[in-house]
Amino acid sequence: MKTSYYKIKKLEKLLLETPPNLDVASVVLEKWGLPSESLSAVGYAIVEKCAYYYDISNELPALYLYDILALLLKYGMNPNDIHHTKYEEQNIMDLLRHVKFDDVAAKCMRLMLDNGGDPNLLIGGVELFIHIDYFVHFDIVEGIYDGPKDFNIQPIIQCWLLMLAYGISLGEGIIPISMTDGYNYEIFKEYERYRWDVRFYEPRSPEYGFYSVHFFDTVINKEVAILSQKHR
């Protein structure tokens, strides 16, 4: 039996208060025992309201997003649930790339992965990591090379690093990033330690050029990985 629209909207309203009333929401969740798909629908709606494209007031719900998702996970939300929009399949982890405030997206991504989120989840026939990987490269080229200087690619790169750290399954010979000196992807579970520098070659060339992203451990001041890619 499907959860009533009323219950989903009431829970969403409770969690979108500023600050969210987590105590009352907990009582409601305990009483109703909502199925995972309903909890995911609420989570998806709240993450979307935190997205940069939603409206200018989205910073406030973003500040509480981690606590909201943690509560929904506690009461049984499956981070791998597929949300069906009018035009496509979606998932909360993929939507997080649109949350641009500080490292809120990365904190929430790590929370989802720690609670069983699958970086190889199929969404509309495409693996989640492959989707994120595409937008990492797209945002680097469009946002930094061709776009405004204040374009913020930090959230999506942090989420991308976390997916690498939690285990991706790619085709044979596919290496999304080259690690140096024997380091492995798992170090990026502590994404906070790392900064990156994007370097372009043949800038503004009408021909194909190249860019590379160099990742540094800020604690030991050492380069630990390099991402190199051709771009148009």
C-alpha atoms as a PDB file:
ATOM      1  CA  MET A   1       0.000   0.000   0.000  1.00  0.00           C
ATOM      2  CA  LYS A   2       1.465   3.314  -1.066  1.00  0.00           C
ATOM      3  CA  THR A   3       2.178   5.971   1.536  1.00  0.00           C
ATOM      4  CA  SER A   4      -0.289   8.817   1.369  1.00  0.00           C
ATOM      5  CA  TYR A   5       0.789  12.039  -0.291  1.00  0.00           C
ATOM      6  CA  TYR A   6      -0.277  13.807   2.919  1.00  0.00           C
ATOM      7  CA  LYS A   7       2.265  11.965   5.065  1.00  0.00           C
ATOM      8  CA  ILE A   8       5.129  12.597   2.651  1.00  0.00           C
ATOM      9  CA  LYS A   9       4.319  16.303   2.425  1.00  0.00           C
ATOM     10  CA  LYS A  10       3.885  16.674   6.184  1.00  0.00           C
ATOM     11  CA  LEU A  11       7.278  15.115   6.825  1.00  0.00           C
ATOM     12  CA  GLU A  12       8.862  17.268   4.135  1.00  0.00           C
ATOM     13  CA  LYS A  13       7.379  20.392   5.731  1.00  0.00           C
ATOM     14  CA  LEU A  14       8.710  19.432   9.186  1.00  0.00           C
ATOM     15  CA  LEU A  15      12.197  18.907   7.825  1.00  0.00           C
ATOM     16  CA  LEU A  16      12.207  22.158   5.847  1.00  0.00           C
ATOM     17  CA  GLU A  17      11.542  24.313   8.897  1.00  0.00           C
ATOM     18  CA  THR A  18      14.461  26.533   9.899  1.00  0.00           C
ATOM     19  CA  PRO A  19      15.913  24.890  11.858  1.00  0.00           C
ATOM     20  CA  PRO A  20      14.228  21.557  11.053  1.00  0.00           C
ATOM     21  CA  ASN A  21      12.209  20.059  13.893  1.00  0.00           C
ATOM     22  CA  LEU A  22      14.117  16.788  14.068  1.00  0.00           C
ATOM     23  CA  ASP A  23      12.581  15.714  17.389  1.00  0.00           C
ATOM     24  CA  VAL A  24       9.024  15.974  16.096  1.00  0.00           C
ATOM     25  CA  ALA A  25      10.083  14.397  12.807  1.00  0.00           C
ATOM     26  CA  SER A  26      11.567  11.474  14.747  1.00  0.00           C
ATOM     27  CA  VAL A  27       8.290  10.913  16.576  1.00  0.00           C
ATOM     28  CA  VAL A  28       6.389  11.012  13.285  1.00  0.00           C
ATOM     29  CA  LEU A  29       8.817   8.608  11.625  1.00  0.00           C
ATOM     30  CA  GLU A  30       8.617   6.211  14.563  1.00  0.00           C
ATOM     31  CA  LYS A  31       4.831   6.289  14.470  1.00  0.00           C
ATOM     32  CA  TRP A  32       4.332   5.991  10.726  1.00  0.00           C
ATOM     33  CA  GLY A  33       7.065   3.499   9.855  1.00  0.00           C
ATOM     34  CA  LEU A  34       7.316   4.812   6.296  1.00  0.00           C
ATOM     35  CA  PRO A  35       8.812   2.588   3.575  1.00  0.00           C
ATOM     36  CA  SER A  36      12.193   3.428   2.092  1.00  0.00           C
ATOM     37  CA  GLU A  37      10.743   4.711  -1.181  1.00  0.00           C
ATOM     38  CA  SER A  38       8.691   7.315   0.711  1.00  0.00           C
ATOM     39  CA  LEU A  39      11.670   8.407   2.804  1.00  0.00           C
ATOM     40  CA  SER A  40      13.733   8.705  -0.370  1.00  0.00           C
ATOM     41  CA  ALA A  41      11.024  10.840  -1.984  1.00  0.00           C
ATOM     42  CA  VAL A  42      11.223  13.217   0.978  1.00  0.00           C
ATOM     43  CA  GLY A  43      15.029  13.219   0.896  1.00  0.00           C
ATOM     44  CA  TYR A  44      15.103  13.867  -2.838  1.00  0.00           C
ATOM     45  CA  ALA A  45      12.697  16.808  -2.531  1.00  0.00           C
ATOM     46  CA  ILE A  46      14.810  18.375   0.224  1.00  0.00           C
ATOM     47  CA  VAL A  47      18.118  17.889  -1.604  1.00  0.00           C
ATOM     48  CA  GLU A  48      16.570  19.486  -4.677  1.00  0.00           C
ATOM     49  CA  LYS A  49      15.594  22.531  -2.636  1.00  0.00           C
ATOM     50  CA  CYS A  50      19.263  22.814  -1.628  1.00  0.00           C
ATOM     51  CA  ALA A  51      20.424  22.787  -5.246  1.00  0.00           C
ATOM     52  CA  TYR A  52      22.003  25.955  -6.604  1.00  0.00           C
ATOM     53  CA  TYR A  53      19.430  26.209  -9.408  1.00  0.00           C
ATOM     54  CA  TYR A  54      16.366  26.114  -7.119  1.00  0.00           C
ATOM     55  CA  ASP A  55      16.157  29.611  -5.601  1.00  0.00           C
ATOM     56  CA  ILE A  56      18.182  32.141  -3.633  1.00  0.00           C
ATOM     57  CA  SER A  57      16.943  30.868  -0.261  1.00  0.00           C
ATOM     58  CA  ASN A  58      18.443  27.393  -0.668  1.00  0.00           C
ATOM     59  CA  GLU A  59      21.422  28.036   1.620  1.00  0.00           C
ATOM     60  CA  LEU A  60      19.315  27.567   4.756  1.00  0.00           C
ATOM     61  CA  PRO A  61      18.073  24.008   4.122  1.00  0.00           C
ATOM     62  CA  ALA A  62      21.580  23.101   2.906  1.00  0.00           C
ATOM     63  CA  LEU A  63      22.994  23.956   6.327  1.00  0.00           C
ATOM     64  CA  TYR A  64      20.860  21.197   7.863  1.00  0.00           C
ATOM     65  CA  LEU A  65      20.953  18.716   4.995  1.00  0.00           C
ATOM     66  CA  TYR A  66      23.403  16.299   6.630  1.00  0.00           C
ATOM     67  CA  ASP A  67      21.259  15.971   9.773  1.00  0.00           C
ATOM     68  CA  ILE A  68      18.097  15.527   7.708  1.00  0.00           C
ATOM     69  CA  LEU A  69      19.560  12.745   5.581  1.00  0.00           C
ATOM     70  CA  ALA A  70      21.066  11.077   8.655  1.00  0.00           C
ATOM     71  CA  LEU A  71      17.604  11.001  10.238  1.00  0.00           C
ATOM     72  CA  LEU A  72      15.990   9.509   7.135  1.00  0.00           C
ATOM     73  CA  LEU A  73      18.724   6.863   6.932  1.00  0.00           C
ATOM     74  CA  LYS A  74      18.204   6.013  10.598  1.00  0.00           C
ATOM     75  CA  TYR A  75      14.545   5.257   9.899  1.00  0.00           C
ATOM     76  CA  GLY A  76      15.235   3.059   6.904  1.00  0.00           C
ATOM     77  CA  MET A  77      15.919   5.120   3.802  1.00  0.00           C
ATOM     78  CA  ASN A  78      17.910   3.169   1.216  1.00  0.00           C
ATOM     79  CA  PRO A  79      20.512   5.466  -0.384  1.00  0.00           C
ATOM     80  CA  ASN A  80      20.234   3.429  -3.597  1.00  0.00           C
ATOM     81  CA  ASP A  81      16.526   4.072  -4.140  1.00  0.00           C
ATOM     82  CA  ILE A  82      15.692   5.308  -7.627  1.00  0.00           C
ATOM     83  CA  HIS A  83      13.452   8.365  -7.786  1.00  0.00           C
ATOM     84  CA  HIS A  84      11.311   8.620 -10.912  1.00  0.00           C
ATOM     85  CA  THR A  85      10.800  12.159 -12.140  1.00  0.00           C
ATOM     86  CA  LYS A  86       8.570  13.097 -15.051  1.00  0.00           C
ATOM     87  CA  TYR A  87      11.431  12.764 -17.524  1.00  0.00           C
ATOM     88  CA  GLU A  88      14.097  10.511 -16.011  1.00  0.00           C
ATOM     89  CA  GLU A  89      15.348   8.276 -13.220  1.00  0.00           C
ATOM     90  CA  GLN A  90      17.299  10.006 -10.472  1.00  0.00           C
ATOM     91  CA  ASN A  91      18.969   9.303  -7.142  1.00  0.00           C
ATOM     92  CA  ILE A  92      19.845  11.474  -4.155  1.00  0.00           C
ATOM     93  CA  MET A  93      23.585  10.794  -4.514  1.00  0.00           C
ATOM     94  CA  ASP A  94      23.598  12.077  -8.085  1.00  0.00           C
ATOM     95  CA  LEU A  95      21.519  15.117  -7.163  1.00  0.00           C
ATOM     96  CA  LEU A  96      24.023  16.102  -4.446  1.00  0.00           C
ATOM     97  CA  ARG A  97      26.386  17.434  -7.129  1.00  0.00           C
ATOM     98  CA  HIS A  98      24.074  20.453  -7.437  1.00  0.00           C
ATOM     99  CA  VAL A  99      24.515  21.449  -3.771  1.00  0.00           C
ATOM    100  CA  LYS A 100      27.223  24.106  -3.909  1.00  0.00           C
ATOM    101  CA  PHE A 101      27.523  25.312  -0.314  1.00  0.00           C
ATOM    102  CA  ASP A 102      30.931  24.640   1.241  1.00  0.00           C
ATOM    103  CA  ASP A 103      31.450  20.868   1.487  1.00  0.00           C
ATOM    104  CA  VAL A 104      27.848  20.009   2.338  1.00  0.00           C
ATOM    105  CA  ALA A 105      27.541  17.782  -0.745  1.00  0.00           C
ATOM    106  CA  ALA A 106      30.668  15.809   0.143  1.00  0.00           C
ATOM    107  CA  LYS A 107      29.659  15.332   3.772  1.00  0.00           C
ATOM    108  CA  CYS A 108      26.283  14.034   2.658  1.00  0.00           C
ATOM    109  CA  MET A 109      27.832  11.838  -0.041  1.00  0.00           C
ATOM    110  CA  ARG A 110      30.148  10.216   2.503  1.00  0.00           C
ATOM    111  CA  LEU A 111      27.165   9.667   4.787  1.00  0.00           C
ATOM    112  CA  MET A 112      25.244   7.937   1.997  1.00  0.00           C
ATOM    113  CA  LEU A 113      28.219   5.770   1.010  1.00  0.00           C
ATOM    114  CA  ASP A 114      28.856   4.838   4.644  1.00  0.00           C
ATOM    115  CA  ASN A 115      25.254   3.644   4.815  1.00  0.00           C
ATOM    116  CA  GLY A 116      25.416   1.359   1.797  1.00  0.00           C
ATOM    117  CA  GLY A 117      25.328   3.793  -1.112  1.00  0.00           C
ATOM    118  CA  ASP A 118      26.624   2.154  -4.291  1.00  0.00           C
ATOM    119  CA  PRO A 119      28.907   4.275  -6.530  1.00  0.00           C
ATOM    120  CA  ASN A 120      28.172   1.790  -9.326  1.00  0.00           C
ATOM    121  CA  LEU A 121      24.390   2.209  -9.034  1.00  0.00           C
ATOM    122  CA  LEU A 122      22.608   2.127 -12.382  1.00  0.00           C
ATOM    123  CA  ILE A 123      20.505   5.236 -12.971  1.00  0.00           C
ATOM    124  CA  GLY A 124      18.725   5.294 -16.280  1.00  0.00           C
ATOM    125  CA  GLY A 125      21.125   2.651 -17.557  1.00  0.00           C
ATOM    126  CA  VAL A 126      24.270   4.623 -16.623  1.00  0.00           C
ATOM    127  CA  GLU A 127      26.452   3.938 -13.588  1.00  0.00           C
ATOM    128  CA  LEU A 128      26.407   6.714 -10.992  1.00  0.00           C
ATOM    129  CA  PHE A 129      30.187   7.140 -11.007  1.00  0.00           C
ATOM    130  CA  ILE A 130      30.290   7.378 -14.816  1.00  0.00           C
ATOM    131  CA  HIS A 131      27.649  10.111 -14.660  1.00  0.00           C
ATOM    132  CA  ILE A 132      29.556  12.064 -12.018  1.00  0.00           C
ATOM    133  CA  ASP A 133      32.833  11.508 -13.888  1.00  0.00           C
ATOM    134  CA  TYR A 134      31.345  13.040 -17.041  1.00  0.00           C
ATOM    135  CA  PHE A 135      30.266  16.180 -15.195  1.00  0.00           C
ATOM    136  CA  VAL A 136      33.641  16.503 -13.458  1.00  0.00           C
ATOM    137  CA  HIS A 137      35.296  16.854 -16.861  1.00  0.00           C
ATOM    138  CA  PHE A 138      32.470  18.964 -18.263  1.00  0.00           C
ATOM    139  CA  ASP A 139      32.613  21.369 -15.321  1.00  0.00           C
ATOM    140  CA  ILE A 140      36.394  21.677 -15.508  1.00  0.00           C
ATOM    141  CA  VAL A 141      36.328  22.666 -19.159  1.00  0.00           C
ATOM    142  CA  GLU A 142      33.107  24.691 -19.210  1.00  0.00           C
ATOM    143  CA  GLY A 143      33.384  26.181 -15.731  1.00  0.00           C
ATOM    144  CA  ILE A 144      37.052  27.087 -15.539  1.00  0.00           C
ATOM    145  CA  TYR A 145      38.341  27.194 -19.106  1.00  0.00           C
ATOM    146  CA  ASP A 146      35.358  28.825 -20.785  1.00  0.00           C
ATOM    147  CA  GLY A 147      33.198  30.008 -17.888  1.00  0.00           C
ATOM    148  CA  PRO A 148      33.162  32.526 -15.043  1.00  0.00           C
ATOM    149  CA  LYS A 149      36.087  32.505 -12.641  1.00  0.00           C
ATOM    150  CA  ASP A 150      33.837  31.991  -9.632  1.00  0.00           C
ATOM    151  CA  PHE A 151      32.331  28.751 -11.004  1.00  0.00           C
ATOM    152  CA  ASN A 152      32.459  26.277  -8.124  1.00  0.00           C
ATOM    153  CA  ILE A 153      33.540  22.751  -9.089  1.00  0.00           C
ATOM    154  CA  GLN A 154      34.647  21.812  -5.585  1.00  0.00           C
ATOM    155  CA  PRO A 155      31.474  19.882  -4.594  1.00  0.00           C
ATOM    156  CA  ILE A 156      31.446  17.588  -7.601  1.00  0.00           C
ATOM    157  CA  ILE A 157      35.185  16.870  -7.394  1.00  0.00           C
ATOM    158  CA  GLN A 158      34.880  16.017  -3.700  1.00  0.00           C
ATOM    159  CA  CYS A 159      31.961  13.672  -4.422  1.00  0.00           C
ATOM    160  CA  TRP A 160      33.934  12.140  -7.292  1.00  0.00           C
ATOM    161  CA  LEU A 161      36.915  11.479  -4.995  1.00  0.00           C
ATOM    162  CA  LEU A 162      34.653   9.834  -2.424  1.00  0.00           C
ATOM    163  CA  MET A 163      33.192   7.500  -5.023  1.00  0.00           C
ATOM    164  CA  LEU A 164      36.699   6.471  -6.032  1.00  0.00           C
ATOM    165  CA  ALA A 165      37.492   5.797  -2.385  1.00  0.00           C
ATOM    166  CA  TYR A 166      34.407   3.674  -1.722  1.00  0.00           C
ATOM    167  CA  GLY A 167      34.933   1.340  -4.666  1.00  0.00           C
ATOM    168  CA  ILE A 168      34.090   1.707  -8.316  1.00  0.00           C
ATOM    169  CA  SER A 169      33.810  -1.035 -10.900  1.00  0.00           C
ATOM    170  CA  LEU A 170      35.005   0.078 -14.317  1.00  0.00           C
ATOM    171  CA  GLY A 171      35.913  -1.725 -17.489  1.00  0.00           C
ATOM    172  CA  GLU A 172      39.325  -3.328 -17.893  1.00  0.00           C
ATOM    173  CA  GLY A 173      42.050  -0.795 -18.568  1.00  0.00           C
ATOM    174  CA  ILE A 174      39.969   2.217 -17.530  1.00  0.00           C
ATOM    175  CA  ILE A 175      41.896   4.342 -15.040  1.00  0.00           C
ATOM    176  CA  PRO A 176      40.034   7.482 -13.986  1.00  0.00           C
ATOM    177  CA  ILE A 177      42.989   8.899 -12.050  1.00  0.00           C
ATOM    178  CA  SER A 178      46.686   8.026 -11.667  1.00  0.00           C
ATOM    179  CA  MET A 179      47.897   7.628  -8.096  1.00  0.00           C
ATOM    180  CA  THR A 180      51.526   8.375  -7.222  1.00  0.00           C
ATOM    181  CA  ASP A 181      54.006   6.567  -4.965  1.00  0.00           C
ATOM    182  CA  GLY A 182      51.782   3.595  -4.203  1.00  0.00           C
ATOM    183  CA  TYR A 183      48.823   5.564  -2.836  1.00  0.00           C
ATOM    184  CA  ASN A 184      45.359   4.093  -3.413  1.00  0.00           C
ATOM    185  CA  TYR A 185      41.907   5.563  -3.842  1.00  0.00           C
ATOM    186  CA  GLU A 186      40.901   4.891  -0.225  1.00  0.00           C
ATOM    187  CA  ILE A 187      42.881   7.902   0.976  1.00  0.00           C
ATOM    188  CA  PHE A 188      40.157  10.123  -0.495  1.00  0.00           C
ATOM    189  CA  LYS A 189      37.667   9.036   2.180  1.00  0.00           C
ATOM    190  CA  GLU A 190      39.305  11.950   4.027  1.00  0.00           C
ATOM    191  CA  TYR A 191      38.624  14.324   1.160  1.00  0.00           C
ATOM    192  CA  GLU A 192      39.153  17.299   3.496  1.00  0.00           C
ATOM    193  CA  ARG A 193      42.922  16.716   3.373  1.00  0.00           C
ATOM    194  CA  TYR A 194      43.217  17.293  -0.354  1.00  0.00           C
ATOM    195  CA  ARG A 195      43.353  20.300  -2.628  1.00  0.00           C
ATOM    196  CA  TRP A 196      43.712  20.361  -6.405  1.00  0.00           C
ATOM    197  CA  ASP A 197      45.188  22.522  -9.097  1.00  0.00           C
ATOM    198  CA  VAL A 198      43.905  22.558 -12.690  1.00  0.00           C
ATOM    199  CA  ARG A 199      46.463  23.192 -15.412  1.00  0.00           C
ATOM    200  CA  PHE A 200      45.711  23.807 -19.076  1.00  0.00           C
ATOM    201  CA  TYR A 201      47.923  23.347 -22.106  1.00  0.00           C
ATOM    202  CA  GLU A 202      47.387  25.149 -25.427  1.00  0.00           C
ATOM    203  CA  PRO A 203      44.866  27.540 -23.844  1.00  0.00           C
ATOM    204  CA  ARG A 204      42.209  28.997 -26.127  1.00  0.00           C
ATOM    205  CA  SER A 205      43.456  26.837 -28.976  1.00  0.00           C
ATOM    206  CA  PRO A 206      40.893  26.039 -31.690  1.00  0.00           C
ATOM    207  CA  GLU A 207      42.382  22.541 -31.769  1.00  0.00           C
ATOM    208  CA  TYR A 208      42.168  19.913 -29.084  1.00  0.00           C
ATOM    209  CA  GLY A 209      44.097  20.820 -25.950  1.00  0.00           C
ATOM    210  CA  PHE A 210      44.895  19.053 -22.712  1.00  0.00           C
ATOM    211  CA  TYR A 211      44.298  19.715 -19.051  1.00  0.00           C
ATOM    212  CA  SER A 212      45.477  17.995 -15.923  1.00  0.00           C
ATOM    213  CA  VAL A 213      44.281  18.099 -12.340  1.00  0.00           C
ATOM    214  CA  HIS A 214      46.912  17.612  -9.658  1.00  0.00           C
ATOM    215  CA  PHE A 215      45.834  16.467  -6.198  1.00  0.00           C
ATOM    216  CA  PHE A 216      47.864  17.355  -3.120  1.00  0.00           C
ATOM    217  CA  ASP A 217      47.774  16.130   0.466  1.00  0.00           C
ATOM    218  CA  THR A 218      47.743  19.377   2.449  1.00  0.00           C
ATOM    219  CA  VAL A 219      48.979  17.675   5.632  1.00  0.00           C
ATOM    220  CA  ILE A 220      52.253  16.396   4.166  1.00  0.00           C
ATOM    221  CA  ASN A 221      52.348  18.846   1.226  1.00  0.00           C
ATOM    222  CA  LYS A 222      52.764  16.130  -1.393  1.00  0.00           C
ATOM    223  CA  GLU A 223      51.197  15.342  -4.756  1.00  0.00           C
ATOM    224  CA  VAL A 224      49.256  12.073  -4.509  1.00  0.00           C
ATOM    225  CA  ALA A 225      47.344  11.819  -7.807  1.00  0.00           C
ATOM    226  CA  ILE A 226      47.033  13.233 -11.312  1.00  0.00           C
ATOM    227  CA  LEU A 227      44.047  13.368 -13.638  1.00  0.00           C
ATOM    228  CA  SER A 228      44.922  14.057 -17.272  1.00  0.00           C
ATOM    229  CA  GLN A 229      42.411  14.533 -20.044  1.00  0.00           C
ATOM    230  CA  LYS A 230      42.059  15.797 -23.591  1.00  0.00           C
ATOM    231  CA  HIS A 231      39.443  18.482 -24.214  1.00  0.00           C
ATOM    232  CA  ARG A 232      38.041  20.312 -27.168  1.00  0.00           C
END
